[in-house]
Amino acid sequence: MDVADAAPGSLVLVDTRRQSSWDHGHIPGAVHLPTAQIPSRAAAVIPAGTSVVVYSWGPGCNGSTFAALAFAELGYPVREMIGGIEYWARNGLSVETAAGIVVATADGLVTAHRPEG
């Protein structure tokens, strides 16, 4: 939930999944940079020294682990969002799809997020 509660501009959230997964749905405001493209494209997309948080599908997917390593090797301060977009959505947070922004009902078994209101 640190990412959901982060101050605007304090980090860059990077979706490391393939294009079809990004198209299916992603976290609003995230940058799409598949893991394999990080070494060649990161510097052009994200300024050096920027705090980066990477995510992939969910805790059963290690794509974000490899992405975090790639960013670390380039010298970026990086963290991995372990629950990925799966737990982002299960916490009732917004996901951007071709149909627009979608917010699912939070799953009470996993949510740590308490929406303000």
PDB file of N, CA and C in Angstrom:
ATOM      1  N   MET A   1       0.818  -1.190   0.000  1.00  0.00           N
ATOM      2  CA  MET A   1       0.000   0.000   0.000  1.00  0.00           C
ATOM      3  C   MET A   1       0.861   1.251   0.000  1.00  0.00           C
ATOM      4  N   ASP A   2       2.179   1.078   0.177  1.00  0.00           N
ATOM      5  CA  ASP A   2       3.065   2.236   0.116  1.00  0.00           C
ATOM      6  C   ASP A   2       2.950   2.945  -1.231  1.00  0.00           C
ATOM      7  N   VAL A   3       2.789   2.183  -2.289  1.00  0.00           N
ATOM      8  CA  VAL A   3       2.686   2.785  -3.624  1.00  0.00           C
ATOM      9  C   VAL A   3       1.382   3.568  -3.753  1.00  0.00           C
ATOM     10  N   ALA A   4       0.291   3.002  -3.308  1.00  0.00           N
ATOM     11  CA  ALA A   4      -1.005   3.683  -3.391  1.00  0.00           C
ATOM     12  C   ALA A   4      -1.011   4.971  -2.582  1.00  0.00           C
ATOM     13  N   ASP A   5      -0.266   4.984  -1.477  1.00  0.00           N
ATOM     14  CA  ASP A   5      -0.242   6.139  -0.589  1.00  0.00           C
ATOM     15  C   ASP A   5       0.924   7.084  -0.839  1.00  0.00           C
ATOM     16  N   ALA A   6       1.773   6.786  -1.835  1.00  0.00           N
ATOM     17  CA  ALA A   6       2.954   7.610  -2.103  1.00  0.00           C
ATOM     18  C   ALA A   6       2.572   9.011  -2.580  1.00  0.00           C
ATOM     19  N   ALA A   7       3.385   9.965  -2.210  1.00  0.00           N
ATOM     20  CA  ALA A   7       3.182  11.341  -2.653  1.00  0.00           C
ATOM     21  C   ALA A   7       3.371  11.418  -4.168  1.00  0.00           C
ATOM     22  N   PRO A   8       2.533  12.183  -4.847  1.00  0.00           N
ATOM     23  CA  PRO A   8       2.683  12.326  -6.305  1.00  0.00           C
ATOM     24  C   PRO A   8       4.100  12.794  -6.665  1.00  0.00           C
ATOM     25  N   GLY A   9       4.678  12.139  -7.659  1.00  0.00           N
ATOM     26  CA  GLY A   9       6.002  12.500  -8.130  1.00  0.00           C
ATOM     27  C   GLY A   9       7.150  11.925  -7.316  1.00  0.00           C
ATOM     28  N   SER A  10       6.843  11.158  -6.271  1.00  0.00           N
ATOM     29  CA  SER A  10       7.911  10.630  -5.425  1.00  0.00           C
ATOM     30  C   SER A  10       8.545   9.356  -5.984  1.00  0.00           C
ATOM     31  N   LEU A  11       7.897   8.746  -6.967  1.00  0.00           N
ATOM     32  CA  LEU A  11       8.412   7.520  -7.569  1.00  0.00           C
ATOM     33  C   LEU A  11       7.816   7.348  -8.949  1.00  0.00           C
ATOM     34  N   VAL A  12       8.440   6.472  -9.722  1.00  0.00           N
ATOM     35  CA  VAL A  12       7.885   6.067 -11.013  1.00  0.00           C
ATOM     36  C   VAL A  12       7.501   4.604 -10.882  1.00  0.00           C
ATOM     37  N   LEU A  13       6.250   4.321 -11.169  1.00  0.00           N
ATOM     38  CA  LEU A  13       5.727   2.964 -11.125  1.00  0.00           C
ATOM     39  C   LEU A  13       5.869   2.362 -12.524  1.00  0.00           C
ATOM     40  N   VAL A  14       6.511   1.199 -12.603  1.00  0.00           N
ATOM     41  CA  VAL A  14       6.806   0.585 -13.899  1.00  0.00           C
ATOM     42  C   VAL A  14       6.141  -0.782 -14.007  1.00  0.00           C
ATOM     43  N   ASP A  15       5.289  -0.922 -15.012  1.00  0.00           N
ATOM     44  CA  ASP A  15       4.663  -2.197 -15.351  1.00  0.00           C
ATOM     45  C   ASP A  15       5.642  -2.929 -16.256  1.00  0.00           C
ATOM     46  N   THR A  16       6.104  -4.085 -15.820  1.00  0.00           N
ATOM     47  CA  THR A  16       7.155  -4.805 -16.531  1.00  0.00           C
ATOM     48  C   THR A  16       6.636  -5.946 -17.400  1.00  0.00           C
ATOM     49  N   ARG A  17       5.317  -6.040 -17.543  1.00  0.00           N
ATOM     50  CA  ARG A  17       4.717  -7.153 -18.289  1.00  0.00           C
ATOM     51  C   ARG A  17       4.734  -6.897 -19.792  1.00  0.00           C
ATOM     52  N   ARG A  18       4.395  -7.914 -20.551  1.00  0.00           N
ATOM     53  CA  ARG A  18       4.351  -7.781 -22.011  1.00  0.00           C
ATOM     54  C   ARG A  18       3.191  -6.887 -22.442  1.00  0.00           C
ATOM     55  N   GLN A  19       3.180  -6.502 -23.697  1.00  0.00           N
ATOM     56  CA  GLN A  19       2.186  -5.566 -24.233  1.00  0.00           C
ATOM     57  C   GLN A  19       0.756  -6.049 -24.041  1.00  0.00           C
ATOM     58  N   SER A  20       0.493  -7.331 -24.305  1.00  0.00           N
ATOM     59  CA  SER A  20      -0.879  -7.817 -24.189  1.00  0.00           C
ATOM     60  C   SER A  20      -1.384  -7.726 -22.746  1.00  0.00           C
ATOM     61  N   SER A  21      -0.514  -7.935 -21.779  1.00  0.00           N
ATOM     62  CA  SER A  21      -0.915  -7.809 -20.378  1.00  0.00           C
ATOM     63  C   SER A  21      -1.192  -6.353 -20.023  1.00  0.00           C
ATOM     64  N   TRP A  22      -0.337  -5.457 -20.490  1.00  0.00           N
ATOM     65  CA  TRP A  22      -0.543  -4.014 -20.298  1.00  0.00           C
ATOM     66  C   TRP A  22      -1.887  -3.603 -20.893  1.00  0.00           C
ATOM     67  N   ASP A  23      -2.169  -4.066 -22.103  1.00  0.00           N
ATOM     68  CA  ASP A  23      -3.419  -3.724 -22.779  1.00  0.00           C
ATOM     69  C   ASP A  23      -4.635  -4.260 -22.019  1.00  0.00           C
ATOM     70  N   HIS A  24      -4.488  -5.395 -21.385  1.00  0.00           N
ATOM     71  CA  HIS A  24      -5.577  -6.001 -20.609  1.00  0.00           C
ATOM     72  C   HIS A  24      -5.954  -5.113 -19.413  1.00  0.00           C
ATOM     73  N   GLY A  25      -4.964  -4.467 -18.829  1.00  0.00           N
ATOM     74  CA  GLY A  25      -5.205  -3.575 -17.701  1.00  0.00           C
ATOM     75  C   GLY A  25      -3.919  -3.288 -16.957  1.00  0.00           C
ATOM     76  N   HIS A  26      -3.772  -2.040 -16.504  1.00  0.00           N
ATOM     77  CA  HIS A  26      -2.571  -1.628 -15.791  1.00  0.00           C
ATOM     78  C   HIS A  26      -2.926  -0.566 -14.752  1.00  0.00           C
ATOM     79  N   ILE A  27      -1.994  -0.276 -13.897  1.00  0.00           N
ATOM     80  CA  ILE A  27      -2.215   0.726 -12.861  1.00  0.00           C
ATOM     81  C   ILE A  27      -2.137   2.106 -13.499  1.00  0.00           C
ATOM     82  N   PRO A  28      -3.160   2.949 -13.291  1.00  0.00           N
ATOM     83  CA  PRO A  28      -3.143   4.292 -13.880  1.00  0.00           C
ATOM     84  C   PRO A  28      -1.878   5.051 -13.472  1.00  0.00           C
ATOM     85  N   GLY A  29      -1.270   5.693 -14.450  1.00  0.00           N
ATOM     86  CA  GLY A  29      -0.066   6.470 -14.200  1.00  0.00           C
ATOM     87  C   GLY A  29       1.224   5.681 -14.307  1.00  0.00           C
ATOM     88  N   ALA A  30       1.122   4.351 -14.438  1.00  0.00           N
ATOM     89  CA  ALA A  30       2.323   3.523 -14.567  1.00  0.00           C
ATOM     90  C   ALA A  30       2.961   3.741 -15.940  1.00  0.00           C
ATOM     91  N   VAL A  31       4.245   3.479 -16.006  1.00  0.00           N
ATOM     92  CA  VAL A  31       5.001   3.492 -17.251  1.00  0.00           C
ATOM     93  C   VAL A  31       5.120   2.046 -17.707  1.00  0.00           C
ATOM     94  N   HIS A  32       4.928   1.801 -18.992  1.00  0.00           N
ATOM     95  CA  HIS A  32       5.069   0.441 -19.505  1.00  0.00           C
ATOM     96  C   HIS A  32       6.487   0.250 -20.031  1.00  0.00           C
ATOM     97  N   LEU A  33       7.229  -0.630 -19.376  1.00  0.00           N
ATOM     98  CA  LEU A  33       8.594  -0.929 -19.795  1.00  0.00           C
ATOM     99  C   LEU A  33       8.864  -2.410 -19.496  1.00  0.00           C
ATOM    100  N   PRO A  34       8.610  -3.264 -20.492  1.00  0.00           N
ATOM    101  CA  PRO A  34       8.814  -4.700 -20.281  1.00  0.00           C
ATOM    102  C   PRO A  34      10.246  -4.999 -19.824  1.00  0.00           C
ATOM    103  N   THR A  35      10.384  -5.998 -18.997  1.00  0.00           N
ATOM    104  CA  THR A  35      11.670  -6.346 -18.387  1.00  0.00           C
ATOM    105  C   THR A  35      12.801  -6.420 -19.404  1.00  0.00           C
ATOM    106  N   ALA A  36      12.583  -7.079 -20.515  1.00  0.00           N
ATOM    107  CA  ALA A  36      13.645  -7.252 -21.519  1.00  0.00           C
ATOM    108  C   ALA A  36      14.119  -5.924 -22.106  1.00  0.00           C
ATOM    109  N   GLN A  37      13.299  -4.887 -22.043  1.00  0.00           N
ATOM    110  CA  GLN A  37      13.650  -3.590 -22.626  1.00  0.00           C
ATOM    111  C   GLN A  37      14.309  -2.633 -21.633  1.00  0.00           C
ATOM    112  N   ILE A  38      14.337  -2.983 -20.365  1.00  0.00           N
ATOM    113  CA  ILE A  38      14.873  -2.074 -19.351  1.00  0.00           C
ATOM    114  C   ILE A  38      16.317  -1.673 -19.633  1.00  0.00           C
ATOM    115  N   PRO A  39      17.237  -2.606 -19.901  1.00  0.00           N
ATOM    116  CA  PRO A  39      18.626  -2.193 -20.124  1.00  0.00           C
ATOM    117  C   PRO A  39      18.793  -1.186 -21.272  1.00  0.00           C
ATOM    118  N   SER A  40      18.020  -1.329 -22.319  1.00  0.00           N
ATOM    119  CA  SER A  40      18.190  -0.451 -23.481  1.00  0.00           C
ATOM    120  C   SER A  40      17.335   0.811 -23.454  1.00  0.00           C
ATOM    121  N   ARG A  41      16.235   0.820 -22.702  1.00  0.00           N
ATOM    122  CA  ARG A  41      15.312   1.960 -22.764  1.00  0.00           C
ATOM    123  C   ARG A  41      15.143   2.761 -21.477  1.00  0.00           C
ATOM    124  N   ALA A  42      15.551   2.215 -20.356  1.00  0.00           N
ATOM    125  CA  ALA A  42      15.273   2.873 -19.076  1.00  0.00           C
ATOM    126  C   ALA A  42      15.783   4.306 -19.027  1.00  0.00           C
ATOM    127  N   ALA A  43      17.010   4.537 -19.436  1.00  0.00           N
ATOM    128  CA  ALA A  43      17.592   5.885 -19.347  1.00  0.00           C
ATOM    129  C   ALA A  43      16.831   6.903 -20.188  1.00  0.00           C
ATOM    130  N   ALA A  44      16.224   6.465 -21.283  1.00  0.00           N
ATOM    131  CA  ALA A  44      15.457   7.373 -22.138  1.00  0.00           C
ATOM    132  C   ALA A  44      14.065   7.649 -21.582  1.00  0.00           C
ATOM    133  N   VAL A  45      13.575   6.786 -20.714  1.00  0.00           N
ATOM    134  CA  VAL A  45      12.211   6.882 -20.212  1.00  0.00           C
ATOM    135  C   VAL A  45      12.144   7.434 -18.784  1.00  0.00           C
ATOM    136  N   ILE A  46      13.141   7.095 -17.973  1.00  0.00           N
ATOM    137  CA  ILE A  46      13.127   7.454 -16.557  1.00  0.00           C
ATOM    138  C   ILE A  46      14.454   8.117 -16.200  1.00  0.00           C
ATOM    139  N   PRO A  47      14.421   9.349 -15.711  1.00  0.00           N
ATOM    140  CA  PRO A  47      15.674  10.035 -15.357  1.00  0.00           C
ATOM    141  C   PRO A  47      16.497   9.254 -14.328  1.00  0.00           C
ATOM    142  N   ALA A  48      17.805   9.289 -14.486  1.00  0.00           N
ATOM    143  CA  ALA A  48      18.713   8.625 -13.551  1.00  0.00           C
ATOM    144  C   ALA A  48      18.445   9.125 -12.133  1.00  0.00           C
ATOM    145  N   GLY A  49      18.543   8.221 -11.175  1.00  0.00           N
ATOM    146  CA  GLY A  49      18.354   8.584  -9.778  1.00  0.00           C
ATOM    147  C   GLY A  49      16.923   8.594  -9.301  1.00  0.00           C
ATOM    148  N   THR A  50      15.971   8.443 -10.212  1.00  0.00           N
ATOM    149  CA  THR A  50      14.558   8.412  -9.861  1.00  0.00           C
ATOM    150  C   THR A  50      14.233   7.127  -9.113  1.00  0.00           C
ATOM    151  N   SER A  51      13.454   7.237  -8.046  1.00  0.00           N
ATOM    152  CA  SER A  51      12.997   6.043  -7.327  1.00  0.00           C
ATOM    153  C   SER A  51      11.993   5.298  -8.192  1.00  0.00           C
ATOM    154  N   VAL A  52      12.220   4.022  -8.373  1.00  0.00           N
ATOM    155  CA  VAL A  52      11.399   3.186  -9.237  1.00  0.00           C
ATOM    156  C   VAL A  52      10.755   2.079  -8.409  1.00  0.00           C
ATOM    157  N   VAL A  53       9.502   1.800  -8.693  1.00  0.00           N
ATOM    158  CA  VAL A  53       8.818   0.633  -8.144  1.00  0.00           C
ATOM    159  C   VAL A  53       8.326  -0.172  -9.333  1.00  0.00           C
ATOM    160  N   VAL A  54       8.700  -1.440  -9.386  1.00  0.00           N
ATOM    161  CA  VAL A  54       8.311  -2.312 -10.497  1.00  0.00           C
ATOM    162  C   VAL A  54       7.225  -3.278 -10.058  1.00  0.00           C
ATOM    163  N   TYR A  55       6.377  -3.634 -11.011  1.00  0.00           N
ATOM    164  CA  TYR A  55       5.379  -4.672 -10.743  1.00  0.00           C
ATOM    165  C   TYR A  55       5.154  -5.516 -11.978  1.00  0.00           C
ATOM    166  N   SER A  56       4.651  -6.728 -11.721  1.00  0.00           N
ATOM    167  CA  SER A  56       4.226  -7.627 -12.791  1.00  0.00           C
ATOM    168  C   SER A  56       2.851  -8.144 -12.410  1.00  0.00           C
ATOM    169  N   TRP A  57       2.556  -9.394 -12.712  1.00  0.00           N
ATOM    170  CA  TRP A  57       1.198  -9.887 -12.469  1.00  0.00           C
ATOM    171  C   TRP A  57       0.888 -10.004 -10.983  1.00  0.00           C
ATOM    172  N   GLY A  58       1.638 -10.806 -10.258  1.00  0.00           N
ATOM    173  CA  GLY A  58       1.328 -11.023  -8.849  1.00  0.00           C
ATOM    174  C   GLY A  58       2.423 -11.795  -8.150  1.00  0.00           C
ATOM    175  N   PRO A  59       2.150 -12.247  -6.945  1.00  0.00           N
ATOM    176  CA  PRO A  59       3.192 -12.915  -6.167  1.00  0.00           C
ATOM    177  C   PRO A  59       3.684 -14.223  -6.772  1.00  0.00           C
ATOM    178  N   GLY A  60       2.941 -14.823  -7.656  1.00  0.00           N
ATOM    179  CA  GLY A  60       3.377 -16.055  -8.311  1.00  0.00           C
ATOM    180  C   GLY A  60       4.201 -15.811  -9.557  1.00  0.00           C
ATOM    181  N   CYS A  61       4.456 -14.549  -9.879  1.00  0.00           N
ATOM    182  CA  CYS A  61       5.199 -14.181 -11.087  1.00  0.00           C
ATOM    183  C   CYS A  61       6.497 -13.504 -10.658  1.00  0.00           C
ATOM    184  N   ASN A  62       7.618 -13.961 -11.193  1.00  0.00           N
ATOM    185  CA  ASN A  62       8.887 -13.354 -10.802  1.00  0.00           C
ATOM    186  C   ASN A  62       9.402 -12.323 -11.802  1.00  0.00           C
ATOM    187  N   GLY A  63       8.556 -11.895 -12.720  1.00  0.00           N
ATOM    188  CA  GLY A  63       8.973 -10.911 -13.714  1.00  0.00           C
ATOM    189  C   GLY A  63       9.460  -9.616 -13.095  1.00  0.00           C
ATOM    190  N   SER A  64       8.796  -9.176 -12.039  1.00  0.00           N
ATOM    191  CA  SER A  64       9.218  -7.920 -11.413  1.00  0.00           C
ATOM    192  C   SER A  64      10.538  -8.088 -10.665  1.00  0.00           C
ATOM    193  N   THR A  65      10.858  -9.290 -10.235  1.00  0.00           N
ATOM    194  CA  THR A  65      12.146  -9.531  -9.574  1.00  0.00           C
ATOM    195  C   THR A  65      13.282  -9.313 -10.571  1.00  0.00           C
ATOM    196  N   PHE A  66      13.136  -9.850 -11.770  1.00  0.00           N
ATOM    197  CA  PHE A  66      14.148  -9.641 -12.801  1.00  0.00           C
ATOM    198  C   PHE A  66      14.214  -8.175 -13.235  1.00  0.00           C
ATOM    199  N   ALA A  67      13.056  -7.531 -13.272  1.00  0.00           N
ATOM    200  CA  ALA A  67      13.024  -6.104 -13.624  1.00  0.00           C
ATOM    201  C   ALA A  67      13.728  -5.263 -12.564  1.00  0.00           C
ATOM    202  N   ALA A  68      13.486  -5.581 -11.290  1.00  0.00           N
ATOM    203  CA  ALA A  68      14.152  -4.855 -10.208  1.00  0.00           C
ATOM    204  C   ALA A  68      15.665  -5.006 -10.311  1.00  0.00           C
ATOM    205  N   LEU A  69      16.120  -6.216 -10.616  1.00  0.00           N
ATOM    206  CA  LEU A  69      17.553  -6.439 -10.792  1.00  0.00           C
ATOM    207  C   LEU A  69      18.097  -5.597 -11.941  1.00  0.00           C
ATOM    208  N   ALA A  70      17.373  -5.549 -13.058  1.00  0.00           N
ATOM    209  CA  ALA A  70      17.827  -4.765 -14.214  1.00  0.00           C
ATOM    210  C   ALA A  70      17.944  -3.284 -13.862  1.00  0.00           C
ATOM    211  N   PHE A  71      16.959  -2.752 -13.130  1.00  0.00           N
ATOM    212  CA  PHE A  71      17.045  -1.344 -12.709  1.00  0.00           C
ATOM    213  C   PHE A  71      18.184  -1.134 -11.722  1.00  0.00           C
ATOM    214  N   ALA A  72      18.370  -2.059 -10.785  1.00  0.00           N
ATOM    215  CA  ALA A  72      19.457  -1.938  -9.806  1.00  0.00           C
ATOM    216  C   ALA A  72      20.821  -1.944 -10.504  1.00  0.00           C
ATOM    217  N   GLU A  73      20.962  -2.790 -11.515  1.00  0.00           N
ATOM    218  CA  GLU A  73      22.226  -2.843 -12.254  1.00  0.00           C
ATOM    219  C   GLU A  73      22.511  -1.541 -12.999  1.00  0.00           C
ATOM    220  N   LEU A  74      21.453  -0.786 -13.300  1.00  0.00           N
ATOM    221  CA  LEU A  74      21.614   0.516 -13.951  1.00  0.00           C
ATOM    222  C   LEU A  74      21.790   1.648 -12.932  1.00  0.00           C
ATOM    223  N   GLY A  75      21.746   1.307 -11.653  1.00  0.00           N
ATOM    224  CA  GLY A  75      21.978   2.305 -10.606  1.00  0.00           C
ATOM    225  C   GLY A  75      20.745   2.998 -10.067  1.00  0.00           C
ATOM    226  N   TYR A  76      19.552   2.553 -10.450  1.00  0.00           N
ATOM    227  CA  TYR A  76      18.316   3.165  -9.948  1.00  0.00           C
ATOM    228  C   TYR A  76      18.004   2.656  -8.548  1.00  0.00           C
ATOM    229  N   PRO A  77      17.503   3.530  -7.671  1.00  0.00           N
ATOM    230  CA  PRO A  77      16.933   3.017  -6.423  1.00  0.00           C
ATOM    231  C   PRO A  77      15.609   2.344  -6.782  1.00  0.00           C
ATOM    232  N   VAL A  78      15.462   1.079  -6.460  1.00  0.00           N
ATOM    233  CA  VAL A  78      14.309   0.315  -6.946  1.00  0.00           C
ATOM    234  C   VAL A  78      13.724  -0.556  -5.847  1.00  0.00           C
ATOM    235  N   ARG A  79      12.407  -0.688  -5.881  1.00  0.00           N
ATOM    236  CA  ARG A  79      11.678  -1.608  -5.005  1.00  0.00           C
ATOM    237  C   ARG A  79      10.739  -2.419  -5.883  1.00  0.00           C
ATOM    238  N   GLU A  80      10.345  -3.567  -5.360  1.00  0.00           N
ATOM    239  CA  GLU A  80       9.448  -4.460  -6.081  1.00  0.00           C
ATOM    240  C   GLU A  80       8.097  -4.489  -5.370  1.00  0.00           C
ATOM    241  N   MET A  81       7.017  -4.293  -6.125  1.00  0.00           N
ATOM    242  CA  MET A  81       5.672  -4.392  -5.576  1.00  0.00           C
ATOM    243  C   MET A  81       5.275  -5.869  -5.668  1.00  0.00           C
ATOM    244  N   ILE A  82       5.524  -6.605  -4.591  1.00  0.00           N
ATOM    245  CA  ILE A  82       5.399  -8.057  -4.577  1.00  0.00           C
ATOM    246  C   ILE A  82       4.025  -8.560  -5.025  1.00  0.00           C
ATOM    247  N   GLY A  83       2.956  -7.950  -4.582  1.00  0.00           N
ATOM    248  CA  GLY A  83       1.611  -8.416  -4.926  1.00  0.00           C
ATOM    249  C   GLY A  83       1.203  -8.128  -6.352  1.00  0.00           C
ATOM    250  N   GLY A  84       1.965  -7.271  -7.035  1.00  0.00           N
ATOM    251  CA  GLY A  84       1.680  -6.943  -8.423  1.00  0.00           C
ATOM    252  C   GLY A  84       0.292  -6.367  -8.639  1.00  0.00           C
ATOM    253  N   ILE A  85      -0.116  -6.347  -9.894  1.00  0.00           N
ATOM    254  CA  ILE A  85      -1.420  -5.782 -10.227  1.00  0.00           C
ATOM    255  C   ILE A  85      -2.555  -6.648  -9.675  1.00  0.00           C
ATOM    256  N   GLU A  86      -2.292  -7.942  -9.474  1.00  0.00           N
ATOM    257  CA  GLU A  86      -3.333  -8.809  -8.919  1.00  0.00           C
ATOM    258  C   GLU A  86      -3.787  -8.289  -7.556  1.00  0.00           C
ATOM    259  N   TYR A  87      -2.845  -8.045  -6.666  1.00  0.00           N
ATOM    260  CA  TYR A  87      -3.225  -7.600  -5.331  1.00  0.00           C
ATOM    261  C   TYR A  87      -3.577  -6.125  -5.294  1.00  0.00           C
ATOM    262  N   TRP A  88      -3.082  -5.344  -6.227  1.00  0.00           N
ATOM    263  CA  TRP A  88      -3.515  -3.957  -6.369  1.00  0.00           C
ATOM    264  C   TRP A  88      -5.033  -3.945  -6.592  1.00  0.00           C
ATOM    265  N   ALA A  89      -5.479  -4.745  -7.564  1.00  0.00           N
ATOM    266  CA  ALA A  89      -6.908  -4.814  -7.883  1.00  0.00           C
ATOM    267  C   ALA A  89      -7.699  -5.445  -6.741  1.00  0.00           C
ATOM    268  N   ARG A  90      -7.152  -6.483  -6.117  1.00  0.00           N
ATOM    269  CA  ARG A  90      -7.855  -7.144  -5.014  1.00  0.00           C
ATOM    270  C   ARG A  90      -7.990  -6.231  -3.796  1.00  0.00           C
ATOM    271  N   ASN A  91      -7.171  -5.202  -3.727  1.00  0.00           N
ATOM    272  CA  ASN A  91      -7.281  -4.214  -2.655  1.00  0.00           C
ATOM    273  C   ASN A  91      -8.272  -3.112  -3.011  1.00  0.00           C
ATOM    274  N   GLY A  92      -8.965  -3.255  -4.143  1.00  0.00           N
ATOM    275  CA  GLY A  92      -9.984  -2.283  -4.525  1.00  0.00           C
ATOM    276  C   GLY A  92      -9.420  -1.003  -5.116  1.00  0.00           C
ATOM    277  N   LEU A  93      -8.208  -1.062  -5.641  1.00  0.00           N
ATOM    278  CA  LEU A  93      -7.584   0.105  -6.254  1.00  0.00           C
ATOM    279  C   LEU A  93      -7.855   0.115  -7.756  1.00  0.00           C
ATOM    280  N   SER A  94      -7.774   1.263  -8.369  1.00  0.00           N
ATOM    281  CA  SER A  94      -8.173   1.411  -9.770  1.00  0.00           C
ATOM    282  C   SER A  94      -7.190   0.768 -10.735  1.00  0.00           C
ATOM    283  N   VAL A  95      -7.766   0.234 -11.821  1.00  0.00           N
ATOM    284  CA  VAL A  95      -7.019  -0.372 -12.921  1.00  0.00           C
ATOM    285  C   VAL A  95      -7.529   0.278 -14.200  1.00  0.00           C
ATOM    286  N   GLU A  96      -6.607   0.657 -15.065  1.00  0.00           N
ATOM    287  CA  GLU A  96      -6.981   1.266 -16.344  1.00  0.00           C
ATOM    288  C   GLU A  96      -7.056   0.198 -17.423  1.00  0.00           C
ATOM    289  N   THR A  97      -8.204   0.138 -18.101  1.00  0.00           N
ATOM    290  CA  THR A  97      -8.418  -0.819 -19.184  1.00  0.00           C
ATOM    291  C   THR A  97      -8.840  -0.046 -20.426  1.00  0.00           C
ATOM    292  N   ALA A  98      -9.040  -0.757 -21.529  1.00  0.00           N
ATOM    293  CA  ALA A  98      -9.518  -0.112 -22.752  1.00  0.00           C
ATOM    294  C   ALA A  98     -10.884   0.532 -22.537  1.00  0.00           C
ATOM    295  N   ALA A  99     -11.652   0.011 -21.584  1.00  0.00           N
ATOM    296  CA  ALA A  99     -12.984   0.545 -21.290  1.00  0.00           C
ATOM    297  C   ALA A  99     -12.933   1.744 -20.342  1.00  0.00           C
ATOM    298  N   GLY A 100     -11.744   2.049 -19.822  1.00  0.00           N
ATOM    299  CA  GLY A 100     -11.594   3.154 -18.879  1.00  0.00           C
ATOM    300  C   GLY A 100     -11.094   2.659 -17.537  1.00  0.00           C
ATOM    301  N   ILE A 101     -11.299   3.463 -16.518  1.00  0.00           N
ATOM    302  CA  ILE A 101     -10.849   3.110 -15.178  1.00  0.00           C
ATOM    303  C   ILE A 101     -11.872   2.179 -14.522  1.00  0.00           C
ATOM    304  N   VAL A 102     -11.386   1.068 -13.983  1.00  0.00           N
ATOM    305  CA  VAL A 102     -12.227   0.068 -13.330  1.00  0.00           C
ATOM    306  C   VAL A 102     -11.773  -0.052 -11.879  1.00  0.00           C
ATOM    307  N   VAL A 103     -12.735  -0.084 -10.968  1.00  0.00           N
ATOM    308  CA  VAL A 103     -12.422  -0.293  -9.555  1.00  0.00           C
ATOM    309  C   VAL A 103     -13.268  -1.458  -9.062  1.00  0.00           C
ATOM    310  N   ALA A 104     -12.605  -2.525  -8.684  1.00  0.00           N
ATOM    311  CA  ALA A 104     -13.305  -3.697  -8.170  1.00  0.00           C
ATOM    312  C   ALA A 104     -13.553  -3.528  -6.676  1.00  0.00           C
ATOM    313  N   THR A 105     -14.485  -4.271  -6.165  1.00  0.00           N
ATOM    314  CA  THR A 105     -14.731  -4.291  -4.730  1.00  0.00           C
ATOM    315  C   THR A 105     -13.527  -4.927  -4.049  1.00  0.00           C
ATOM    316  N   ALA A 106     -13.053  -4.311  -2.973  1.00  0.00           N
ATOM    317  CA  ALA A 106     -11.904  -4.839  -2.255  1.00  0.00           C
ATOM    318  C   ALA A 106     -12.221  -6.216  -1.687  1.00  0.00           C
ATOM    319  N   ASP A 107     -11.265  -7.101  -1.773  1.00  0.00           N
ATOM    320  CA  ASP A 107     -11.365  -8.447  -1.227  1.00  0.00           C
ATOM    321  C   ASP A 107     -10.975  -8.372   0.243  1.00  0.00           C
ATOM    322  N   GLY A 108     -11.926  -8.588   1.122  1.00  0.00           N
ATOM    323  CA  GLY A 108     -11.694  -8.472   2.554  1.00  0.00           C
ATOM    324  C   GLY A 108     -10.669  -9.412   3.110  1.00  0.00           C
ATOM    325  N   LEU A 109     -10.337 -10.473   2.366  1.00  0.00           N
ATOM    326  CA  LEU A 109      -9.323 -11.415   2.840  1.00  0.00           C
ATOM    327  C   LEU A 109      -7.908 -10.916   2.619  1.00  0.00           C
ATOM    328  N   VAL A 110      -7.748  -9.956   1.719  1.00  0.00           N
ATOM    329  CA  VAL A 110      -6.381  -9.507   1.407  1.00  0.00           C
ATOM    330  C   VAL A 110      -6.165  -8.020   1.614  1.00  0.00           C
ATOM    331  N   THR A 111      -7.210  -7.245   1.679  1.00  0.00           N
ATOM    332  CA  THR A 111      -7.019  -5.803   1.640  1.00  0.00           C
ATOM    333  C   THR A 111      -6.422  -5.220   2.916  1.00  0.00           C
ATOM    334  N   ALA A 112      -5.491  -4.341   2.706  1.00  0.00           N
ATOM    335  CA  ALA A 112      -4.913  -3.556   3.794  1.00  0.00           C
ATOM    336  C   ALA A 112      -5.249  -2.094   3.551  1.00  0.00           C
ATOM    337  N   HIS A 113      -5.893  -1.817   2.441  1.00  0.00           N
ATOM    338  CA  HIS A 113      -6.209  -0.447   2.041  1.00  0.00           C
ATOM    339  C   HIS A 113      -7.564  -0.041   2.576  1.00  0.00           C
ATOM    340  N   ARG A 114      -7.613   1.095   3.153  1.00  0.00           N
ATOM    341  CA  ARG A 114      -8.858   1.644   3.648  1.00  0.00           C
ATOM    342  C   ARG A 114      -9.121   2.955   2.919  1.00  0.00           C
ATOM    343  N   PRO A 115      -9.957   2.931   1.882  1.00  0.00           N
ATOM    344  CA  PRO A 115     -10.212   4.151   1.119  1.00  0.00           C
ATOM    345  C   PRO A 115     -10.757   5.248   2.022  1.00  0.00           C
ATOM    346  N   GLU A 116     -10.308   6.455   1.718  1.00  0.00           N
ATOM    347  CA  GLU A 116     -10.812   7.606   2.467  1.00  0.00           C
ATOM    348  C   GLU A 116     -12.198   7.943   1.973  1.00  0.00           C
ATOM    349  N   GLY A 117     -12.989   8.478   2.860  1.00  0.00           N
ATOM    350  CA  GLY A 117     -14.302   8.868   2.376  1.00  0.00           C
ATOM    351  C   GLY A 117     -15.358   8.838   3.364  1.00  0.00           C
TER     352      GLY A 117
END
